[in-house]
N, C-alpha and C. Protein backbone atom coordinates (compact mmCIF):
# COMPACT_ATOMS: atom_id res chain seq x y z
N MET A 1 65.74 -27.57 4.02
CA MET A 1 65.95 -28.78 3.23
C MET A 1 64.67 -29.11 2.48
N PRO A 2 64.77 -29.29 1.18
CA PRO A 2 63.59 -29.68 0.41
C PRO A 2 63.01 -31.01 0.89
N THR A 3 61.71 -31.12 0.88
CA THR A 3 61.03 -32.33 1.30
C THR A 3 61.45 -33.51 0.42
N GLY A 4 61.71 -34.65 1.04
CA GLY A 4 62.06 -35.85 0.29
C GLY A 4 63.53 -35.99 -0.03
N LEU A 5 64.35 -35.05 0.43
CA LEU A 5 65.79 -35.11 0.18
C LEU A 5 66.55 -35.14 1.49
N LYS A 6 67.74 -35.76 1.47
CA LYS A 6 68.61 -35.81 2.63
C LYS A 6 70.00 -35.36 2.19
N ALA A 7 70.53 -34.33 2.83
CA ALA A 7 71.85 -33.80 2.45
C ALA A 7 72.90 -34.89 2.54
N SER A 8 73.77 -34.97 1.52
CA SER A 8 74.85 -35.95 1.51
C SER A 8 76.22 -35.28 1.42
N SER A 9 76.25 -33.95 1.51
CA SER A 9 77.52 -33.22 1.51
C SER A 9 77.36 -31.92 2.28
N SER A 10 78.48 -31.32 2.61
CA SER A 10 78.49 -29.96 3.15
C SER A 10 78.26 -29.01 1.98
N PRO A 11 78.02 -27.72 2.25
CA PRO A 11 77.91 -26.76 1.14
C PRO A 11 79.18 -26.76 0.29
N ILE A 12 79.00 -26.71 -1.03
CA ILE A 12 80.13 -26.69 -1.95
C ILE A 12 79.95 -25.60 -2.99
N GLN A 13 81.05 -25.25 -3.66
CA GLN A 13 81.03 -24.28 -4.74
C GLN A 13 81.63 -24.93 -5.98
N ILE A 14 81.00 -24.69 -7.11
CA ILE A 14 81.51 -25.19 -8.38
C ILE A 14 81.70 -24.00 -9.30
N SER A 15 82.89 -23.86 -9.85
CA SER A 15 83.20 -22.73 -10.73
C SER A 15 83.34 -23.18 -12.17
N ALA A 16 83.03 -22.28 -13.08
CA ALA A 16 83.15 -22.56 -14.52
C ALA A 16 83.29 -21.25 -15.28
N ALA A 17 83.73 -21.34 -16.51
CA ALA A 17 83.81 -20.17 -17.38
C ALA A 17 83.66 -20.65 -18.82
N VAL A 18 83.15 -19.76 -19.66
CA VAL A 18 83.04 -20.08 -21.07
C VAL A 18 83.27 -18.78 -21.87
N THR A 19 83.95 -18.93 -23.01
CA THR A 19 84.26 -17.80 -23.89
C THR A 19 83.71 -18.09 -25.27
N GLU A 20 83.12 -17.08 -25.89
CA GLU A 20 82.64 -17.24 -27.27
C GLU A 20 83.82 -17.62 -28.17
N LEU A 21 83.57 -18.49 -29.13
CA LEU A 21 84.60 -18.84 -30.11
C LEU A 21 84.66 -17.77 -31.19
N VAL A 22 83.48 -17.25 -31.55
CA VAL A 22 83.34 -16.18 -32.53
C VAL A 22 82.39 -15.16 -31.91
N ALA A 23 82.69 -13.89 -32.04
CA ALA A 23 81.86 -12.85 -31.44
C ALA A 23 80.40 -13.00 -31.87
N ASN A 24 79.49 -12.82 -30.91
CA ASN A 24 78.04 -12.82 -31.14
C ASN A 24 77.48 -14.18 -31.53
N THR A 25 78.14 -15.25 -31.12
CA THR A 25 77.70 -16.61 -31.42
C THR A 25 77.50 -17.37 -30.12
N LEU A 26 76.36 -18.03 -29.99
CA LEU A 26 76.05 -18.79 -28.78
C LEU A 26 77.11 -19.85 -28.51
N VAL A 27 77.52 -19.91 -27.25
CA VAL A 27 78.42 -20.96 -26.81
C VAL A 27 77.87 -21.51 -25.50
N SER A 28 78.00 -22.81 -25.32
CA SER A 28 77.50 -23.47 -24.12
C SER A 28 78.55 -24.44 -23.64
N ASP A 29 78.75 -24.49 -22.32
CA ASP A 29 79.73 -25.40 -21.75
C ASP A 29 79.06 -26.24 -20.68
N GLN A 30 79.38 -27.51 -20.69
CA GLN A 30 78.81 -28.45 -19.72
C GLN A 30 79.60 -28.37 -18.41
N ILE A 31 78.90 -28.26 -17.28
CA ILE A 31 79.52 -28.24 -15.97
C ILE A 31 79.24 -29.59 -15.31
N ASP A 32 80.28 -30.36 -15.07
CA ASP A 32 80.13 -31.69 -14.48
C ASP A 32 79.91 -31.55 -12.98
N LEU A 33 78.80 -32.09 -12.48
CA LEU A 33 78.46 -32.01 -11.06
C LEU A 33 78.92 -33.26 -10.30
N THR A 34 79.43 -34.25 -10.98
CA THR A 34 79.92 -35.52 -10.41
C THR A 34 78.97 -36.09 -9.36
N LEU A 35 77.72 -36.24 -9.75
CA LEU A 35 76.72 -36.82 -8.86
C LEU A 35 76.78 -38.34 -8.93
N ASN A 36 76.42 -38.99 -7.85
CA ASN A 36 76.37 -40.44 -7.80
C ASN A 36 74.95 -40.88 -8.14
N VAL A 37 74.70 -41.19 -9.40
CA VAL A 37 73.35 -41.54 -9.84
C VAL A 37 72.88 -42.88 -9.26
N LEU A 38 73.80 -43.75 -8.90
CA LEU A 38 73.41 -45.03 -8.30
C LEU A 38 72.77 -44.84 -6.92
N ASP A 39 73.12 -43.74 -6.25
CA ASP A 39 72.54 -43.43 -4.95
C ASP A 39 71.44 -42.37 -5.05
N ASN A 40 70.95 -42.11 -6.28
CA ASN A 40 69.89 -41.11 -6.50
C ASN A 40 70.30 -39.73 -5.98
N GLU A 41 71.54 -39.35 -6.27
CA GLU A 41 72.05 -38.08 -5.77
C GLU A 41 71.66 -36.94 -6.71
N VAL A 42 71.28 -35.81 -6.12
CA VAL A 42 70.92 -34.59 -6.85
C VAL A 42 71.76 -33.45 -6.31
N PHE A 43 71.76 -32.33 -7.02
CA PHE A 43 72.47 -31.13 -6.56
C PHE A 43 71.43 -30.05 -6.27
N VAL A 44 71.41 -29.59 -5.04
CA VAL A 44 70.48 -28.54 -4.62
C VAL A 44 71.21 -27.20 -4.73
N VAL A 45 70.75 -26.33 -5.64
CA VAL A 45 71.40 -25.04 -5.90
C VAL A 45 70.83 -24.01 -4.93
N THR A 46 71.73 -23.39 -4.14
CA THR A 46 71.29 -22.38 -3.18
C THR A 46 71.65 -20.96 -3.62
N GLN A 47 72.64 -20.82 -4.50
CA GLN A 47 73.05 -19.50 -4.94
C GLN A 47 73.80 -19.61 -6.27
N ILE A 48 73.69 -18.58 -7.09
CA ILE A 48 74.39 -18.53 -8.38
C ILE A 48 75.02 -17.16 -8.51
N ASN A 49 76.25 -17.13 -9.03
CA ASN A 49 76.92 -15.87 -9.31
C ASN A 49 77.42 -15.93 -10.75
N LEU A 50 76.97 -15.01 -11.59
CA LEU A 50 77.41 -14.92 -12.99
C LEU A 50 78.13 -13.60 -13.20
N ASP A 51 79.37 -13.66 -13.64
CA ASP A 51 80.20 -12.48 -13.90
C ASP A 51 80.39 -12.37 -15.41
N VAL A 52 79.63 -11.47 -16.03
CA VAL A 52 79.58 -11.34 -17.49
C VAL A 52 80.48 -10.19 -17.94
N ASP A 53 81.27 -10.41 -19.01
CA ASP A 53 82.06 -9.32 -19.59
C ASP A 53 81.17 -8.16 -20.01
N ALA A 54 81.74 -6.97 -20.00
CA ALA A 54 81.02 -5.79 -20.49
C ALA A 54 80.89 -5.85 -22.01
N PRO A 55 79.76 -5.39 -22.54
CA PRO A 55 79.63 -5.35 -24.01
C PRO A 55 80.52 -4.24 -24.57
N ASP A 56 80.81 -4.33 -25.85
CA ASP A 56 81.60 -3.29 -26.51
C ASP A 56 80.79 -2.01 -26.63
N SER A 57 81.46 -0.89 -26.47
CA SER A 57 80.81 0.40 -26.66
C SER A 57 81.08 0.84 -28.10
N ILE A 58 80.04 0.76 -28.92
CA ILE A 58 80.16 1.09 -30.34
C ILE A 58 79.17 2.22 -30.63
N ALA A 59 79.65 3.32 -31.18
CA ALA A 59 78.80 4.47 -31.45
C ALA A 59 77.60 4.08 -32.30
N ASN A 60 76.43 4.59 -31.93
CA ASN A 60 75.18 4.38 -32.66
C ASN A 60 74.73 2.91 -32.72
N THR A 61 75.24 2.06 -31.83
CA THR A 61 74.89 0.64 -31.84
C THR A 61 74.62 0.16 -30.42
N SER A 62 73.48 -0.48 -30.21
CA SER A 62 73.20 -1.12 -28.93
C SER A 62 73.89 -2.47 -28.91
N THR A 63 74.56 -2.80 -27.80
CA THR A 63 75.28 -4.06 -27.67
C THR A 63 74.86 -4.75 -26.37
N ALA A 64 75.10 -6.06 -26.29
CA ALA A 64 74.71 -6.80 -25.09
C ALA A 64 75.55 -8.06 -24.95
N VAL A 65 75.61 -8.56 -23.73
CA VAL A 65 76.18 -9.87 -23.43
C VAL A 65 75.21 -10.53 -22.45
N ASP A 66 74.69 -11.72 -22.81
CA ASP A 66 73.70 -12.43 -22.00
C ASP A 66 74.25 -13.81 -21.64
N ALA A 67 73.99 -14.24 -20.40
CA ALA A 67 74.45 -15.54 -19.94
C ALA A 67 73.39 -16.18 -19.05
N THR A 68 73.35 -17.51 -19.05
CA THR A 68 72.45 -18.27 -18.18
C THR A 68 73.13 -19.53 -17.69
N ILE A 69 72.59 -20.06 -16.60
CA ILE A 69 72.92 -21.42 -16.16
C ILE A 69 71.63 -22.21 -16.27
N SER A 70 71.70 -23.33 -16.99
CA SER A 70 70.51 -24.15 -17.21
C SER A 70 70.76 -25.59 -16.77
N THR A 71 69.67 -26.30 -16.54
CA THR A 71 69.76 -27.69 -16.10
C THR A 71 69.92 -28.66 -17.26
N THR A 72 69.57 -28.22 -18.46
CA THR A 72 69.73 -29.05 -19.66
C THR A 72 70.35 -28.20 -20.76
N ALA A 73 70.86 -28.85 -21.80
CA ALA A 73 71.47 -28.14 -22.92
C ALA A 73 70.43 -27.28 -23.63
N ARG A 74 70.87 -26.13 -24.13
CA ARG A 74 69.96 -25.19 -24.80
C ARG A 74 70.49 -24.85 -26.19
N THR A 75 69.57 -24.42 -27.08
CA THR A 75 69.95 -23.95 -28.41
C THR A 75 69.93 -22.43 -28.48
N THR A 76 69.42 -21.78 -27.43
CA THR A 76 69.47 -20.32 -27.26
C THR A 76 69.95 -20.07 -25.85
N VAL A 77 70.34 -18.84 -25.56
CA VAL A 77 70.81 -18.54 -24.20
C VAL A 77 69.67 -18.63 -23.19
N GLY A 78 68.45 -18.28 -23.60
CA GLY A 78 67.29 -18.38 -22.73
C GLY A 78 67.23 -17.27 -21.69
N SER A 79 66.26 -17.41 -20.79
CA SER A 79 66.07 -16.44 -19.70
C SER A 79 65.39 -17.14 -18.54
N ILE A 80 65.18 -16.44 -17.44
CA ILE A 80 64.54 -17.08 -16.31
C ILE A 80 63.07 -17.39 -16.58
N ALA A 81 62.56 -16.97 -17.71
CA ALA A 81 61.20 -17.36 -18.12
C ALA A 81 61.16 -18.81 -18.58
N ASP A 82 62.34 -19.39 -18.88
CA ASP A 82 62.42 -20.78 -19.32
C ASP A 82 62.55 -21.71 -18.12
N GLN A 83 61.80 -22.79 -18.14
CA GLN A 83 61.75 -23.73 -17.01
C GLN A 83 63.11 -24.29 -16.63
N ASN A 84 63.99 -24.51 -17.61
CA ASN A 84 65.28 -25.14 -17.30
C ASN A 84 66.40 -24.14 -17.00
N VAL A 85 66.10 -22.85 -16.91
CA VAL A 85 67.10 -21.84 -16.59
C VAL A 85 67.00 -21.49 -15.10
N LEU A 86 68.11 -21.68 -14.39
CA LEU A 86 68.15 -21.40 -12.95
C LEU A 86 68.52 -19.95 -12.65
N GLY A 87 69.34 -19.35 -13.49
CA GLY A 87 69.77 -17.97 -13.27
C GLY A 87 70.27 -17.35 -14.55
N SER A 88 70.19 -16.03 -14.63
CA SER A 88 70.64 -15.34 -15.84
C SER A 88 71.30 -14.01 -15.48
N ALA A 89 72.13 -13.53 -16.38
CA ALA A 89 72.77 -12.22 -16.22
C ALA A 89 72.83 -11.57 -17.59
N SER A 90 72.72 -10.25 -17.59
CA SER A 90 72.76 -9.50 -18.84
C SER A 90 73.44 -8.17 -18.60
N ARG A 91 74.30 -7.80 -19.53
CA ARG A 91 74.90 -6.46 -19.52
C ARG A 91 74.62 -5.88 -20.90
N GLN A 92 74.09 -4.66 -20.92
CA GLN A 92 73.70 -4.03 -22.17
C GLN A 92 74.18 -2.59 -22.22
N ILE A 93 74.43 -2.14 -23.41
CA ILE A 93 74.62 -0.72 -23.67
C ILE A 93 73.56 -0.34 -24.69
N VAL A 94 72.61 0.47 -24.25
CA VAL A 94 71.51 0.88 -25.12
C VAL A 94 71.90 2.22 -25.72
N CYS A 95 71.89 2.28 -27.04
CA CYS A 95 72.36 3.46 -27.74
C CYS A 95 71.29 3.96 -28.70
N ASN A 96 70.93 5.20 -28.55
CA ASN A 96 70.06 5.88 -29.49
C ASN A 96 70.86 7.09 -29.97
N ALA A 97 71.25 7.11 -31.23
CA ALA A 97 72.18 8.10 -31.76
C ALA A 97 71.77 9.53 -31.41
N GLY A 98 70.48 9.82 -31.45
CA GLY A 98 70.04 11.17 -31.15
C GLY A 98 70.13 11.52 -29.68
N MET A 99 70.00 10.53 -28.81
CA MET A 99 69.98 10.78 -27.37
C MET A 99 71.32 10.56 -26.70
N THR A 100 72.13 9.68 -27.22
CA THR A 100 73.37 9.31 -26.55
C THR A 100 74.55 9.33 -27.50
N PRO A 101 74.99 10.51 -27.92
CA PRO A 101 76.11 10.58 -28.86
C PRO A 101 77.42 10.07 -28.27
N ASP A 102 77.48 9.94 -26.94
CA ASP A 102 78.72 9.49 -26.30
C ASP A 102 78.88 7.97 -26.31
N GLY A 103 77.93 7.22 -26.82
CA GLY A 103 78.10 5.79 -26.92
C GLY A 103 77.04 4.96 -26.24
N GLY A 104 76.15 5.56 -25.47
CA GLY A 104 75.05 4.78 -24.92
C GLY A 104 74.97 4.80 -23.41
N ILE A 105 73.95 4.11 -22.89
CA ILE A 105 73.69 4.01 -21.46
C ILE A 105 73.80 2.54 -21.08
N ALA A 106 74.59 2.26 -20.05
CA ALA A 106 74.83 0.88 -19.65
C ALA A 106 73.78 0.39 -18.66
N PHE A 107 73.39 -0.89 -18.78
CA PHE A 107 72.46 -1.55 -17.87
C PHE A 107 73.01 -2.92 -17.51
N ASP A 108 72.88 -3.31 -16.23
CA ASP A 108 73.28 -4.64 -15.76
C ASP A 108 72.09 -5.30 -15.09
N ARG A 109 71.99 -6.64 -15.23
CA ARG A 109 70.92 -7.38 -14.56
C ARG A 109 71.41 -8.80 -14.27
N GLU A 110 71.10 -9.31 -13.08
CA GLU A 110 71.41 -10.69 -12.71
C GLU A 110 70.24 -11.23 -11.91
N ASP A 111 69.62 -12.30 -12.37
CA ASP A 111 68.43 -12.87 -11.74
C ASP A 111 68.56 -14.37 -11.60
N PRO A 112 68.21 -14.97 -10.54
CA PRO A 112 68.34 -14.45 -9.18
C PRO A 112 69.75 -14.71 -8.67
N LEU A 113 70.18 -13.99 -7.67
CA LEU A 113 71.49 -14.21 -7.08
C LEU A 113 71.46 -15.33 -6.06
N PHE A 114 70.42 -15.35 -5.24
CA PHE A 114 70.30 -16.35 -4.20
C PHE A 114 68.82 -16.54 -3.90
N SER A 115 68.50 -17.59 -3.17
CA SER A 115 67.10 -17.89 -2.89
C SER A 115 66.52 -16.87 -1.91
N ALA A 116 65.24 -16.64 -2.02
CA ALA A 116 64.55 -15.75 -1.09
C ALA A 116 64.59 -16.35 0.31
N LEU A 117 64.45 -15.51 1.33
CA LEU A 117 64.54 -15.98 2.71
C LEU A 117 63.57 -17.10 3.03
N GLU A 118 62.38 -17.05 2.42
CA GLU A 118 61.38 -18.07 2.71
C GLU A 118 61.58 -19.35 1.88
N MET A 119 62.61 -19.39 1.04
CA MET A 119 62.89 -20.57 0.22
C MET A 119 64.23 -21.17 0.64
N ASP A 120 64.34 -22.49 0.49
CA ASP A 120 65.58 -23.18 0.84
C ASP A 120 66.57 -23.27 -0.30
N TYR A 121 66.11 -23.09 -1.54
CA TYR A 121 66.97 -23.33 -2.68
C TYR A 121 66.41 -22.63 -3.92
N LEU A 122 67.29 -22.48 -4.94
CA LEU A 122 66.88 -21.92 -6.24
C LEU A 122 66.34 -23.01 -7.16
N GLY A 123 66.96 -24.17 -7.11
CA GLY A 123 66.55 -25.26 -7.99
C GLY A 123 67.27 -26.54 -7.63
N ILE A 124 66.81 -27.63 -8.21
CA ILE A 124 67.42 -28.93 -7.98
C ILE A 124 67.83 -29.50 -9.34
N ILE A 125 69.09 -29.88 -9.45
CA ILE A 125 69.59 -30.49 -10.69
C ILE A 125 69.69 -31.99 -10.45
N ALA A 126 68.90 -32.75 -11.19
CA ALA A 126 68.83 -34.20 -10.97
C ALA A 126 69.73 -34.98 -11.92
N THR A 127 70.09 -34.41 -13.05
CA THR A 127 71.01 -35.09 -13.96
C THR A 127 72.43 -34.70 -13.57
N ASN A 128 73.41 -35.26 -14.20
CA ASN A 128 74.79 -35.12 -13.76
C ASN A 128 75.47 -33.83 -14.21
N ASN A 129 74.76 -32.96 -14.94
CA ASN A 129 75.40 -31.78 -15.50
C ASN A 129 74.50 -30.55 -15.41
N ALA A 130 75.15 -29.40 -15.38
CA ALA A 130 74.49 -28.11 -15.60
C ALA A 130 75.16 -27.52 -16.84
N PHE A 131 74.59 -26.45 -17.37
CA PHE A 131 75.13 -25.86 -18.59
C PHE A 131 75.27 -24.35 -18.42
N LEU A 132 76.42 -23.83 -18.81
CA LEU A 132 76.70 -22.40 -18.79
C LEU A 132 76.61 -21.91 -20.22
N ASN A 133 75.70 -20.95 -20.47
CA ASN A 133 75.39 -20.47 -21.83
C ASN A 133 75.74 -18.99 -21.95
N LEU A 134 76.24 -18.59 -23.12
CA LEU A 134 76.66 -17.20 -23.33
C LEU A 134 76.43 -16.81 -24.78
N VAL A 135 75.97 -15.58 -24.99
CA VAL A 135 75.89 -15.02 -26.33
C VAL A 135 76.00 -13.49 -26.25
N GLY A 136 76.75 -12.93 -27.18
CA GLY A 136 76.86 -11.48 -27.31
C GLY A 136 76.00 -11.00 -28.46
N THR A 137 75.69 -9.71 -28.45
CA THR A 137 74.91 -9.10 -29.52
C THR A 137 75.60 -7.83 -29.99
N ASN A 138 75.94 -7.76 -31.27
CA ASN A 138 76.55 -6.58 -31.91
C ASN A 138 77.91 -6.20 -31.35
N ASN A 139 78.65 -7.13 -30.77
CA ASN A 139 79.99 -6.84 -30.24
C ASN A 139 81.04 -7.10 -31.31
N GLY A 140 82.14 -6.39 -31.23
CA GLY A 140 83.25 -6.62 -32.14
C GLY A 140 84.25 -7.64 -31.61
N ASN A 141 84.18 -7.92 -30.32
CA ASN A 141 85.12 -8.83 -29.67
C ASN A 141 84.37 -9.99 -29.03
N VAL A 142 85.08 -11.12 -28.84
CA VAL A 142 84.48 -12.26 -28.15
C VAL A 142 84.29 -11.90 -26.68
N LYS A 143 83.30 -12.52 -26.04
CA LYS A 143 82.97 -12.23 -24.65
C LYS A 143 83.06 -13.50 -23.81
N GLN A 144 83.16 -13.32 -22.50
CA GLN A 144 83.29 -14.45 -21.58
C GLN A 144 82.35 -14.26 -20.39
N VAL A 145 81.94 -15.37 -19.79
CA VAL A 145 81.21 -15.35 -18.52
C VAL A 145 81.91 -16.33 -17.58
N ARG A 146 82.01 -15.90 -16.34
CA ARG A 146 82.54 -16.73 -15.28
C ARG A 146 81.39 -17.01 -14.31
N ALA A 147 81.31 -18.23 -13.82
CA ALA A 147 80.17 -18.60 -12.98
C ALA A 147 80.62 -19.35 -11.74
N ARG A 148 79.84 -19.19 -10.68
CA ARG A 148 80.01 -20.00 -9.49
C ARG A 148 78.63 -20.44 -9.03
N ILE A 149 78.49 -21.75 -8.83
CA ILE A 149 77.24 -22.32 -8.36
C ILE A 149 77.48 -22.81 -6.93
N TYR A 150 76.63 -22.37 -6.02
CA TYR A 150 76.71 -22.78 -4.62
C TYR A 150 75.58 -23.76 -4.34
N GLY A 151 75.85 -24.76 -3.53
CA GLY A 151 74.80 -25.71 -3.19
C GLY A 151 75.36 -26.89 -2.43
N TYR A 152 74.62 -27.98 -2.44
CA TYR A 152 75.05 -29.19 -1.77
C TYR A 152 74.42 -30.39 -2.46
N ARG A 153 75.06 -31.55 -2.27
CA ARG A 153 74.53 -32.79 -2.81
C ARG A 153 73.52 -33.35 -1.82
N ALA A 154 72.50 -34.02 -2.34
CA ALA A 154 71.49 -34.65 -1.50
C ALA A 154 71.03 -35.93 -2.18
N THR A 155 70.53 -36.86 -1.39
CA THR A 155 69.98 -38.09 -1.95
C THR A 155 68.46 -38.06 -1.85
N ALA A 156 67.82 -38.73 -2.80
CA ALA A 156 66.35 -38.77 -2.87
C ALA A 156 65.90 -40.21 -2.92
N SER A 157 64.65 -40.44 -2.53
CA SER A 157 64.08 -41.78 -2.69
C SER A 157 63.97 -42.05 -4.19
N SER A 158 63.78 -43.31 -4.56
CA SER A 158 63.70 -43.68 -5.97
C SER A 158 62.58 -42.95 -6.69
N SER A 159 61.42 -42.84 -6.06
CA SER A 159 60.29 -42.19 -6.73
C SER A 159 60.51 -40.69 -6.88
N VAL A 160 61.07 -40.04 -5.87
CA VAL A 160 61.36 -38.60 -5.96
C VAL A 160 62.43 -38.36 -7.01
N TYR A 161 63.48 -39.19 -7.01
CA TYR A 161 64.55 -39.05 -7.98
C TYR A 161 64.03 -39.20 -9.41
N ALA A 162 63.20 -40.22 -9.64
CA ALA A 162 62.65 -40.44 -10.98
C ALA A 162 61.80 -39.25 -11.41
N ALA A 163 61.01 -38.70 -10.51
CA ALA A 163 60.18 -37.55 -10.85
C ALA A 163 61.04 -36.33 -11.17
N LEU A 164 62.11 -36.10 -10.41
CA LEU A 164 62.98 -34.96 -10.65
C LEU A 164 63.70 -35.09 -12.00
N VAL A 165 64.21 -36.28 -12.31
CA VAL A 165 64.90 -36.51 -13.60
C VAL A 165 63.93 -36.30 -14.75
N GLN A 166 62.75 -36.88 -14.67
CA GLN A 166 61.78 -36.75 -15.74
C GLN A 166 61.37 -35.29 -15.94
N SER A 167 61.11 -34.58 -14.85
CA SER A 167 60.74 -33.17 -14.93
C SER A 167 61.84 -32.34 -15.58
N GLU A 168 63.09 -32.62 -15.20
CA GLU A 168 64.23 -31.88 -15.75
C GLU A 168 64.37 -32.15 -17.25
N LEU A 169 64.29 -33.39 -17.66
CA LEU A 169 64.46 -33.73 -19.07
C LEU A 169 63.31 -33.22 -19.93
N LEU A 170 62.11 -33.18 -19.38
CA LEU A 170 60.96 -32.65 -20.14
C LEU A 170 60.97 -31.15 -20.24
N SER A 171 61.76 -30.47 -19.39
CA SER A 171 61.81 -29.00 -19.44
C SER A 171 62.75 -28.49 -20.51
N ALA A 172 63.48 -29.39 -21.16
CA ALA A 172 64.46 -28.99 -22.18
C ALA A 172 63.81 -28.34 -23.38
């Protein structure tokens, strides 16, 4: 349990999905966490699962599908290098016409899946929403990501809650 927080729920799972409206265009969907802000409630994320569609296999073209879960709205899909991104997934087909005439080599990546053994959580969401972000690159078809966030609700003291909210909003 993170210092300064008291669990207010059992472990829960929240599922979401988002589909591009137009191929290769960023789309973001708000995930409502239904937190009780009057009681300084936060969501402690313990695990994330992102299931990203495969990119299109197009001869002589590298393609990709990238997705993230973030604590605030984003104008790009972002990566785990960004302070407000809790987890990311990427599926790519890297194609070099001279080396891969059959359409390319596929790569998958998901960071992180769950917290390390020495950590209690991946992140804390202090505002009432998380965001599921998706963008494809060089695909002919629209792509989708399905997500599941594992965690629990917890309450914080007023000072801890204020610090968490301010930190989250400044990381945008």
